[in-house]
């Protein structure tokens, strides 16, 4: 049943996402992924929609509005939040040691986590779109991937922090 529904909706979703995504500045694949997740949540809680094609069009529009709202509300930092200006030599040495420990832990992460975390920690402050392009993954996958990598990093750093 679910497989048939997905197969029936796949071409319509691809067309709808392609038509809507560029106006929001997002990738069609990211929009598709968000709608597929919305459908899976719906199937788990409410079952299949009565009119799947109508539901899909509505879901795409909802995701487009959410994406626009998110983009409108995001603001860049005026300055780097962890700015080291004005610190004394001792604080600068301690800060440098913390950075070295962090980057050493990042290099020990599994899979593509080291590349993702290095991109997120980059002083160039790349956008999610740029990071996704560098890593060759969809922009919508970055958030979940980042969460997994941060959880791994937290587990790696916990013994080091607890030992101090």
Protein backbone atom coordinates (compact mmCIF):
# COMPACT_ATOMS: atom_id res chain seq x y z
CA UNK A 1 0.00 0.00 0.00
CA UNK A 2 2.67 2.52 1.09
CA UNK A 3 4.96 1.46 -1.74
CA UNK A 4 2.14 1.95 -4.28
CA UNK A 5 1.34 5.37 -2.83
CA UNK A 6 4.96 6.48 -3.00
CA UNK A 7 5.32 5.18 -6.56
CA UNK A 8 2.13 6.99 -7.60
CA UNK A 9 3.16 10.30 -5.98
CA UNK A 10 6.84 10.34 -6.96
CA UNK A 11 6.44 11.98 -10.43
CA UNK A 12 3.97 14.57 -9.14
CA UNK A 13 6.18 15.46 -6.19
CA UNK A 14 9.24 15.79 -8.42
CA UNK A 15 7.35 18.16 -10.73
CA UNK A 16 5.82 20.20 -7.90
CA UNK A 17 9.13 20.48 -6.04
CA UNK A 18 10.96 21.52 -9.19
CA UNK A 19 8.35 24.17 -9.93
CA UNK A 20 8.31 25.61 -6.40
CA UNK A 21 11.81 25.16 -5.02
CA UNK A 22 13.76 27.73 -6.99
CA UNK A 23 11.43 30.57 -5.99
CA UNK A 24 12.34 29.87 -2.36
CA UNK A 25 16.06 29.51 -2.97
CA UNK A 26 16.12 25.86 -2.01
CA UNK A 27 16.93 22.69 -3.88
CA UNK A 28 14.07 20.59 -5.29
CA UNK A 29 15.54 17.49 -3.64
CA UNK A 30 15.41 19.17 -0.23
CA UNK A 31 11.78 20.12 -0.74
CA UNK A 32 10.96 16.58 -1.89
CA UNK A 33 12.67 15.11 1.16
CA UNK A 34 10.69 17.37 3.52
CA UNK A 35 7.40 16.35 1.88
CA UNK A 36 8.29 12.64 2.00
CA UNK A 37 8.98 13.00 5.72
CA UNK A 38 5.67 14.80 6.18
CA UNK A 39 3.91 11.94 4.33
CA UNK A 40 5.61 9.30 6.49
CA UNK A 41 4.54 11.15 9.64
CA UNK A 42 1.01 11.37 8.28
CA UNK A 43 0.92 7.65 7.42
CA UNK A 44 2.08 6.76 10.92
CA UNK A 45 -0.44 8.98 12.74
CA UNK A 46 -3.48 9.33 10.47
CA UNK A 47 -3.06 6.83 7.67
CA UNK A 48 -3.05 7.62 3.95
CA UNK A 49 -4.73 10.82 2.79
CA UNK A 50 -8.15 10.49 1.17
CA UNK A 51 -6.97 12.43 -1.90
CA UNK A 52 -3.19 11.83 -2.09
CA UNK A 53 -2.58 14.15 -5.05
CA UNK A 54 -4.38 17.06 -3.41
CA UNK A 55 -2.62 16.36 -0.10
CA UNK A 56 0.76 16.33 -1.85
CA UNK A 57 0.18 19.68 -3.56
CA UNK A 58 -0.89 21.17 -0.24
CA UNK A 59 2.14 19.68 1.55
CA UNK A 60 4.50 21.16 -1.04
CA UNK A 61 2.94 24.62 -0.62
CA UNK A 62 3.16 24.30 3.16
CA UNK A 63 6.85 23.39 2.99
CA UNK A 64 7.50 26.29 0.60
CA UNK A 65 5.86 28.72 3.04
CA UNK A 66 7.86 27.25 5.93
CA UNK A 67 11.09 27.59 3.95
CA UNK A 68 10.33 31.22 3.07
CA UNK A 69 9.46 32.02 6.68
CA UNK A 70 12.67 30.41 7.93
CA UNK A 71 14.80 32.27 5.39
CA UNK A 72 13.11 35.56 6.26
CA UNK A 73 13.73 35.06 10.00
CA UNK A 74 17.38 33.99 9.78
CA UNK A 75 19.88 36.75 10.47
CA UNK A 76 23.68 36.56 10.26
CA UNK A 77 25.75 37.33 13.35
CA UNK A 78 27.18 40.85 13.54
CA UNK A 79 30.40 39.39 14.92
CA UNK A 80 31.64 35.92 15.60
CA UNK A 81 29.94 34.75 18.83
CA UNK A 82 33.14 33.31 20.30
CA UNK A 83 35.23 36.36 19.45
CA UNK A 84 38.61 36.35 21.22
CA UNK A 85 39.21 40.12 21.01
CA UNK A 86 40.02 41.80 24.29
CA UNK A 87 41.27 38.64 26.00
CA UNK A 88 44.55 38.50 27.88
CA UNK A 89 47.40 36.18 26.95
CA UNK A 90 46.32 33.47 29.43
CA UNK A 91 42.80 33.38 28.04
CA UNK A 92 44.14 33.29 24.47
CA UNK A 93 46.38 30.30 25.31
CA UNK A 94 43.48 28.48 26.99
CA UNK A 95 41.19 29.29 24.06
CA UNK A 96 43.80 27.98 21.59
CA UNK A 97 44.13 24.78 23.63
CA UNK A 98 40.33 24.30 23.58
CA UNK A 99 40.30 24.82 19.80
CA UNK A 100 43.09 22.28 19.33
CA UNK A 101 41.25 19.72 21.49
CA UNK A 102 38.03 20.34 19.58
CA UNK A 103 39.66 19.95 16.16
CA UNK A 104 41.52 16.83 17.30
CA UNK A 105 38.20 15.31 18.40
CA UNK A 106 36.57 16.33 15.10
CA UNK A 107 39.30 14.49 13.17
CA UNK A 108 38.51 11.30 15.16
CA UNK A 109 34.81 11.33 14.21
CA UNK A 110 33.50 8.52 11.97
CA UNK A 111 32.32 8.71 8.36
CA UNK A 112 31.80 12.10 6.78
CA UNK A 113 31.45 13.82 10.15
CA UNK A 114 34.99 15.28 10.10
CA UNK A 115 34.33 17.04 6.78
CA UNK A 116 30.88 18.24 7.86
CA UNK A 117 32.08 19.55 11.23
CA UNK A 118 35.13 21.20 9.64
CA UNK A 119 32.80 22.98 7.21
CA UNK A 120 30.50 24.08 10.03
CA UNK A 121 33.46 25.34 12.07
CA UNK A 122 35.05 27.09 9.09
CA UNK A 123 35.88 30.77 9.59
CA UNK A 124 34.42 31.43 6.11
CA UNK A 125 30.98 30.67 7.65
CA UNK A 126 29.58 28.85 4.59
CA UNK A 127 25.82 28.52 4.13
CA UNK A 128 24.07 25.14 4.35
CA UNK A 129 23.71 25.24 0.58
CA UNK A 130 27.48 25.69 0.14
CA UNK A 131 28.26 22.94 2.65
CA UNK A 132 25.80 20.56 0.97
CA UNK A 133 27.46 21.30 -2.39
CA UNK A 134 30.95 20.67 -0.98
CA UNK A 135 29.92 17.39 0.63
CA UNK A 136 27.68 16.23 -2.22
CA UNK A 137 24.62 15.69 -0.02
CA UNK A 138 21.19 17.29 0.05
CA UNK A 139 20.73 20.43 2.10
CA UNK A 140 17.84 18.81 3.97
CA UNK A 141 20.15 16.03 5.19
CA UNK A 142 22.58 18.45 6.83
CA UNK A 143 20.52 19.03 9.97
CA UNK A 144 20.06 15.35 10.87
CA UNK A 145 23.65 14.58 9.87
CA UNK A 146 24.90 17.50 11.98
CA UNK A 147 22.90 16.23 14.96
CA UNK A 148 24.42 12.76 14.65
CA UNK A 149 27.93 14.20 14.32
CA UNK A 150 27.45 16.50 17.31
CA UNK A 151 26.22 13.55 19.39
CA UNK A 152 29.37 11.60 18.42
CA UNK A 153 31.54 14.63 19.20
CA UNK A 154 29.81 15.03 22.58
CA UNK A 155 30.54 11.37 23.40
CA UNK A 156 34.20 11.81 22.37
CA UNK A 157 34.67 14.97 24.41
CA UNK A 158 32.80 13.89 27.56
CA UNK A 159 35.72 11.90 29.04
CA UNK A 160 38.14 14.73 28.25
CA UNK A 161 35.94 17.36 29.86
CA UNK A 162 35.08 15.16 32.86
CA UNK A 163 38.77 14.39 33.42
CA UNK A 164 39.70 18.04 33.93
